[in-house]
Amino acid sequence: MPKHSRAIAVITGDVIGSSRYSASAREKLDRLLRQAFADAERRFPRAIHTRMAFRITAGDEFQCVISEIPRAFDILTYVRAVAAGGGLDPPVRFRASVGVGELSTPKRTSPYEQDGTAFVRAREGLEDMAKDRNPVRWTKLRTDSPEIDEPVDAVLCLADYLEQSWTVPQWEAVRWSILGLTRKESAKKLGIAHQNVTKRLLAAGWPHFEIAVAFLRSALGQLSGTPRRVQQPLAPN
């Protein structure tokens, strides 16, 4: 095993339908995704290993490295929620593949300067989605454990299906709920009545999605040897 090898999760994603945006909107898209990941880094301060970077030559693709593996899907959902509520029309949506494996190079400024099996697996998942051309699939997981990948893929299939129909207001409610805020705390952030937060979450199928996220967190915990209880995100200011 290489000297610098360690278990990490890599998120590799690409924006869906980026060609629909004008030149000025694409600039806003770039800023919006960077801000979304920067926000996630503040909420999950010990979970981000290497900050997000864009790969212009591959289109609107981005990549980041997660050191706290069980939090990968929490972070991915949070970033999607922030991006969806960023004001672009149509709202920002992206496919993403999570690869779990080794980091075989030292930490560097950009994830595109790093290497290891986690990067290869994340790339494979993204390429699989591109080949399938399935508009319902947004998320993949690739590890070296089929006994984990198969049930996780089934859960992700249903989770992706739920996300397809979420409106911007629903994404906004999910954004704060994924951080563990109560309905009243979320309502304060959104400037609405807490009953309306509940309505948005119920319409989004949040009670079911929340169970899926807990399952994904537990499954990824098995890969990293992390107990079920992992670091909670920081409460928003």
Protein backbone atom coordinates (compact mmCIF):
# COMPACT_ATOMS: atom_id res chain seq x y z
CA MET A 1 0.00 0.00 0.00
CA PRO A 2 1.43 3.44 -0.87
CA LYS A 3 2.82 5.54 1.95
CA HIS A 4 0.04 8.12 1.71
CA SER A 5 -2.82 5.64 1.26
CA ARG A 6 -5.94 6.24 3.35
CA ALA A 7 -9.67 5.63 3.03
CA ILE A 8 -11.64 8.59 1.67
CA ALA A 9 -14.76 9.32 -0.37
CA VAL A 10 -14.56 11.23 -3.63
CA ILE A 11 -17.57 13.05 -5.09
CA THR A 12 -17.36 13.59 -8.85
CA GLY A 13 -20.29 15.38 -10.43
CA ASP A 14 -21.48 17.15 -13.53
CA VAL A 15 -24.24 19.68 -14.07
CA ILE A 16 -27.34 18.44 -15.87
CA GLY A 17 -28.26 20.47 -18.96
CA SER A 18 -25.58 23.11 -18.46
CA SER A 19 -25.82 24.10 -22.14
CA ARG A 20 -29.24 25.58 -21.41
CA TYR A 21 -27.66 28.46 -19.51
CA SER A 22 -26.50 31.68 -21.13
CA ALA A 23 -22.87 32.82 -20.81
CA SER A 24 -23.71 35.11 -17.88
CA ALA A 25 -25.79 32.38 -16.22
CA ARG A 26 -22.91 29.92 -16.57
CA GLU A 27 -20.67 32.35 -14.70
CA LYS A 28 -23.28 32.51 -11.97
CA LEU A 29 -23.47 28.71 -12.01
CA ASP A 30 -19.73 28.51 -11.34
CA ARG A 31 -19.98 30.95 -8.43
CA LEU A 32 -23.07 29.24 -7.08
CA LEU A 33 -21.49 25.78 -6.92
CA ARG A 34 -18.34 27.15 -5.32
CA GLN A 35 -20.43 28.96 -2.72
CA ALA A 36 -22.51 25.83 -2.11
CA PHE A 37 -19.42 23.73 -1.41
CA ALA A 38 -17.88 26.50 0.71
CA ASP A 39 -21.09 26.57 2.74
CA ALA A 40 -20.96 22.77 3.14
CA GLU A 41 -17.37 23.07 4.35
CA ARG A 42 -18.51 25.47 7.09
CA ARG A 43 -21.38 23.17 8.11
CA PHE A 44 -19.23 20.00 8.12
CA PRO A 45 -15.87 21.46 9.19
CA ARG A 46 -13.94 18.20 9.65
CA ALA A 47 -15.56 16.28 6.82
CA ILE A 48 -14.07 18.02 3.77
CA HIS A 49 -10.58 16.77 2.94
CA THR A 50 -9.95 18.64 -0.35
CA ARG A 51 -12.08 21.51 -1.58
CA MET A 52 -14.13 21.36 -4.74
CA ALA A 53 -12.41 22.11 -8.04
CA PHE A 54 -13.77 22.44 -11.58
CA ARG A 55 -12.36 20.66 -14.61
CA ILE A 56 -13.15 22.99 -17.47
CA THR A 57 -11.83 20.62 -20.16
CA ALA A 58 -14.45 18.06 -19.16
CA GLY A 59 -17.34 20.51 -19.23
CA ASP A 60 -19.20 21.54 -16.10
CA GLU A 61 -17.63 18.87 -13.93
CA PHE A 62 -16.46 19.21 -10.37
CA GLN A 63 -14.82 17.06 -7.73
CA CYS A 64 -14.10 17.12 -4.01
CA VAL A 65 -12.71 14.75 -1.39
CA ILE A 66 -14.54 13.79 1.81
CA SER A 67 -12.53 12.53 4.79
CA GLU A 68 -15.56 11.67 6.95
CA ILE A 69 -16.97 8.97 4.67
CA PRO A 70 -20.37 8.44 6.40
CA ARG A 71 -21.23 12.10 5.75
CA ALA A 72 -20.76 11.93 1.97
CA PHE A 73 -24.47 11.75 1.09
CA ASP A 74 -25.44 14.33 3.73
CA ILE A 75 -22.96 16.74 2.17
CA LEU A 76 -24.08 15.89 -1.35
CA THR A 77 -27.74 16.50 -0.46
CA TYR A 78 -26.88 19.76 1.27
CA VAL A 79 -24.92 21.05 -1.72
CA ARG A 80 -27.75 20.08 -4.07
CA ALA A 81 -30.23 21.94 -1.87
CA VAL A 82 -28.12 25.11 -1.73
CA ALA A 83 -27.52 25.00 -5.49
CA ALA A 84 -31.20 24.42 -6.27
CA GLY A 85 -32.15 27.49 -4.25
CA GLY A 86 -29.49 29.68 -5.84
CA GLY A 87 -31.83 31.59 -8.17
CA LEU A 88 -30.89 30.16 -11.56
CA ASP A 89 -33.62 29.26 -14.04
CA PRO A 90 -33.87 26.33 -14.47
CA PRO A 91 -32.66 25.43 -10.95
CA VAL A 92 -29.23 23.81 -10.79
CA ARG A 93 -29.24 20.02 -10.78
CA PHE A 94 -26.32 17.66 -11.12
CA ARG A 95 -25.40 14.00 -11.28
CA ALA A 96 -22.84 12.81 -8.75
CA SER A 97 -20.93 9.61 -8.12
CA VAL A 98 -19.37 8.78 -4.76
CA GLY A 99 -16.29 6.57 -4.89
CA VAL A 100 -14.91 5.09 -1.68
CA GLY A 101 -11.35 3.78 -1.58
CA GLU A 102 -7.77 4.83 -1.17
CA LEU A 103 -6.10 8.20 -1.48
CA SER A 104 -2.65 7.24 -2.73
CA THR A 105 -1.14 10.72 -3.04
CA PRO A 106 -0.51 13.48 -0.48
CA LYS A 107 -3.20 16.10 0.03
CA ARG A 108 -3.00 18.83 -2.58
CA THR A 109 -4.85 22.02 -3.43
CA SER A 110 -7.01 20.43 -6.14
CA PRO A 111 -8.59 16.95 -6.09
CA TYR A 112 -7.63 16.68 -9.77
CA GLU A 113 -3.99 16.56 -8.62
CA GLN A 114 -4.70 13.55 -6.39
CA ASP A 115 -5.11 9.88 -7.17
CA GLY A 116 -6.27 6.55 -5.77
CA THR A 117 -8.97 3.92 -6.10
CA ALA A 118 -11.64 6.27 -4.72
CA PHE A 119 -11.12 8.61 -7.69
CA VAL A 120 -11.30 5.73 -10.17
CA ARG A 121 -14.53 4.43 -8.65
CA ALA A 122 -16.16 7.86 -8.59
CA ARG A 123 -15.32 8.26 -12.27
CA GLU A 124 -16.72 4.81 -13.10
CA GLY A 125 -20.04 5.63 -11.42
CA LEU A 126 -20.40 8.90 -13.32
CA GLU A 127 -19.57 7.18 -16.62
CA ASP A 128 -22.14 4.46 -15.89
CA MET A 129 -24.86 7.08 -15.46
CA ALA A 130 -23.80 8.77 -18.70
CA LYS A 131 -23.96 5.46 -20.58
CA ASP A 132 -27.36 4.51 -19.16
CA ARG A 133 -28.85 7.91 -20.04
CA ASN A 134 -31.43 7.32 -17.33
CA PRO A 135 -32.96 10.71 -16.46
CA VAL A 136 -34.12 9.39 -13.10
CA ARG A 137 -30.67 8.45 -11.83
CA TRP A 138 -28.65 11.23 -10.27
CA THR A 139 -26.47 9.37 -7.78
CA LYS A 140 -24.15 6.35 -7.70
CA LEU A 141 -21.89 4.69 -5.17
CA ARG A 142 -18.82 2.63 -6.05
CA THR A 143 -16.75 0.72 -3.47
CA ASP A 144 -14.93 -2.62 -3.41
CA SER A 145 -17.83 -4.21 -1.49
CA PRO A 146 -20.70 -5.47 -3.72
CA GLU A 147 -22.65 -6.48 -0.62
CA ILE A 148 -22.83 -2.77 0.23
CA ASP A 149 -23.04 -1.32 -3.28
CA GLU A 150 -26.11 -3.33 -4.31
CA PRO A 151 -28.48 -2.40 -1.44
CA VAL A 152 -27.19 1.17 -1.47
CA ASP A 153 -27.92 1.45 -5.20
CA ALA A 154 -31.50 0.32 -4.59
CA VAL A 155 -31.94 2.99 -1.91
CA LEU A 156 -30.31 5.64 -4.10
CA CYS A 157 -32.65 4.75 -6.96
CA LEU A 158 -35.66 5.58 -4.79
CA ALA A 159 -33.98 8.66 -3.28
CA ASP A 160 -33.16 9.98 -6.76
CA TYR A 161 -36.78 9.43 -7.78
CA LEU A 162 -38.00 11.54 -4.85
CA GLU A 163 -35.56 14.36 -5.62
CA GLN A 164 -36.73 14.59 -9.24
CA SER A 165 -40.00 16.23 -8.22
CA TRP A 166 -38.74 18.58 -5.51
CA THR A 167 -39.56 22.23 -6.01
CA VAL A 168 -37.20 25.01 -4.98
CA PRO A 169 -39.21 25.70 -1.77
CA GLN A 170 -38.99 21.99 -0.91
CA TRP A 171 -35.24 21.95 -1.51
CA GLU A 172 -34.94 24.98 0.78
CA ALA A 173 -36.74 23.10 3.56
CA VAL A 174 -34.57 20.02 2.98
CA ARG A 175 -31.43 22.16 3.18
CA TRP A 176 -32.02 22.99 6.82
CA SER A 177 -33.51 19.62 7.74
CA ILE A 178 -30.41 17.75 6.53
CA LEU A 179 -28.50 19.77 9.14
CA GLY A 180 -30.86 18.55 11.86
CA LEU A 181 -32.82 21.77 12.43
CA THR A 182 -36.32 21.51 13.87
CA ARG A 183 -39.34 22.73 11.93
CA LYS A 184 -39.41 25.95 13.97
CA GLU A 185 -35.69 26.56 13.45
CA SER A 186 -36.05 25.95 9.71
CA ALA A 187 -39.06 28.26 9.60
CA LYS A 188 -36.98 31.04 11.15
CA LYS A 189 -34.32 30.58 8.48
CA LEU A 190 -36.90 30.63 5.69
CA GLY A 191 -39.08 33.40 7.11
CA ILE A 192 -42.23 31.29 7.01
CA ALA A 193 -44.57 29.59 9.49
CA HIS A 194 -43.33 26.27 10.83
CA GLN A 195 -46.52 24.63 9.56
CA ASN A 196 -45.44 25.56 6.03
CA VAL A 197 -42.06 23.92 6.59
CA THR A 198 -43.89 20.75 7.58
CA LYS A 199 -46.07 20.96 4.47
CA ARG A 200 -43.04 21.36 2.22
CA LEU A 201 -41.23 18.43 3.79
CA LEU A 202 -44.24 16.16 3.66
CA ALA A 203 -44.82 17.03 0.00
CA ALA A 204 -41.16 16.20 -0.68
CA GLY A 205 -41.45 12.83 1.06
CA TRP A 206 -38.85 13.90 3.61
CA PRO A 207 -39.84 11.33 6.28
CA HIS A 208 -38.95 8.58 3.79
CA PHE A 209 -35.88 10.35 2.43
CA GLU A 210 -34.60 10.89 5.96
CA ILE A 211 -34.67 7.11 6.56
CA ALA A 212 -32.75 6.59 3.32
CA VAL A 213 -30.05 9.06 4.37
CA ALA A 214 -29.70 7.34 7.75
CA PHE A 215 -29.27 3.99 5.97
CA LEU A 216 -26.64 5.44 3.61
CA ARG A 217 -24.78 6.97 6.53
CA SER A 218 -24.73 3.61 8.31
CA ALA A 219 -23.65 1.70 5.18
CA LEU A 220 -20.75 4.06 4.54
CA GLY A 221 -19.81 3.83 8.20
CA GLN A 222 -19.15 0.12 7.68
CA LEU A 223 -16.60 0.96 5.00
CA SER A 224 -14.69 3.41 7.16
CA GLY A 225 -15.01 1.60 10.45
CA THR A 226 -16.85 4.63 11.82
CA PRO A 227 -19.48 4.09 14.54
CA ARG A 228 -23.07 4.93 13.70
CA ARG A 229 -22.75 8.19 15.60
CA VAL A 230 -20.64 10.55 13.54
CA GLN A 231 -19.88 14.23 13.86
CA GLN A 232 -22.98 16.38 13.59
CA PRO A 233 -22.85 19.39 11.28
CA LEU A 234 -22.47 22.77 12.91
CA ALA A 235 -25.69 24.58 13.73
CA PRO A 236 -26.20 27.53 11.35
CA ASN A 237 -25.53 31.00 12.72
